[in-house]
Amino acid sequence: MTGIGKIFILIGVVCIAIGIIMSFIGRLPGDIVFKKGNTTVYFPIVTSIVVSIVLSLIMFLFNKFR
């Protein structure tokens, strides 16, 4: 398998893992939801902040022990 193929597989696995984690997190307090008629707009602001902090900590630890 070529190097680019491994990268695509890794990206796919990471996307699946993020999707599974996001389904468990769900909607946190502080996320903005607008509902009007049949339309719902969802802004996951707090969820994005939490995910960003967790990923930053993981990257920090990964680089520290590298």
Protein backbone atom coordinates (compact mmCIF):
# COMPACT_ATOMS: atom_id res chain seq x y z
CA MET A 1 0.00 0.00 0.00
CA THR A 2 1.32 3.42 -0.86
CA GLY A 3 1.86 6.23 1.63
CA ILE A 4 -1.09 8.24 0.32
CA GLY A 5 -3.40 5.24 0.73
CA LYS A 6 -2.44 4.90 4.39
CA ILE A 7 -3.08 8.60 4.91
CA PHE A 8 -6.58 8.34 3.41
CA ILE A 9 -7.39 5.34 5.59
CA LEU A 10 -6.15 7.20 8.66
CA ILE A 11 -8.24 10.27 7.77
CA GLY A 12 -11.30 8.06 7.35
CA VAL A 13 -10.79 6.34 10.70
CA VAL A 14 -10.30 9.70 12.42
CA CYS A 15 -13.50 11.08 10.84
CA ILE A 16 -15.47 8.02 11.98
CA ALA A 17 -14.05 8.32 15.51
CA ILE A 18 -14.94 12.02 15.67
CA GLY A 19 -18.47 11.24 14.48
CA ILE A 20 -18.94 8.58 17.15
CA ILE A 21 -17.59 10.87 19.87
CA MET A 22 -19.81 13.75 18.73
CA SER A 23 -22.88 11.50 18.86
CA PHE A 24 -22.13 10.73 22.52
CA ILE A 25 -21.48 14.38 23.40
CA GLY A 26 -24.73 15.55 21.83
CA ARG A 27 -25.94 19.05 22.44
CA LEU A 28 -24.26 20.78 25.34
CA PRO A 29 -25.74 23.70 27.27
CA GLY A 30 -24.65 26.89 25.52
CA ASP A 31 -25.12 25.58 21.99
CA ILE A 32 -27.44 27.84 20.01
CA VAL A 33 -30.57 26.44 18.36
CA PHE A 34 -33.00 28.48 16.24
CA LYS A 35 -36.34 26.88 15.38
CA LYS A 36 -38.81 28.53 13.07
CA GLY A 37 -41.50 26.50 11.38
CA ASN A 38 -39.96 23.45 9.71
CA THR A 39 -36.45 24.90 9.82
CA THR A 40 -33.94 24.29 12.59
CA VAL A 41 -30.48 25.89 12.65
CA TYR A 42 -27.97 24.53 15.16
CA PHE A 43 -24.70 26.26 16.13
CA PRO A 44 -22.58 23.93 18.32
CA ILE A 45 -20.42 26.67 19.84
CA VAL A 46 -19.77 25.08 23.26
CA THR A 47 -19.33 21.63 21.71
CA SER A 48 -16.72 23.07 19.32
CA ILE A 49 -14.85 24.71 22.19
CA VAL A 50 -14.80 21.45 24.19
CA VAL A 51 -13.59 19.44 21.18
CA SER A 52 -10.91 22.06 20.47
CA ILE A 53 -9.62 21.92 24.05
CA VAL A 54 -9.53 18.11 24.04
CA LEU A 55 -7.72 17.96 20.69
CA SER A 56 -5.25 20.63 21.83
CA LEU A 57 -4.44 18.59 24.95
CA ILE A 58 -4.00 15.42 22.91
CA MET A 59 -1.67 17.18 20.45
CA PHE A 60 0.29 18.75 23.33
CA LEU A 61 0.81 15.36 24.97
CA PHE A 62 1.66 13.74 21.64
CA ASN A 63 4.34 16.36 20.91
CA LYS A 64 5.69 16.29 24.48
CA PHE A 65 6.41 12.54 24.42
CA ARG A 66 7.63 12.47 20.84
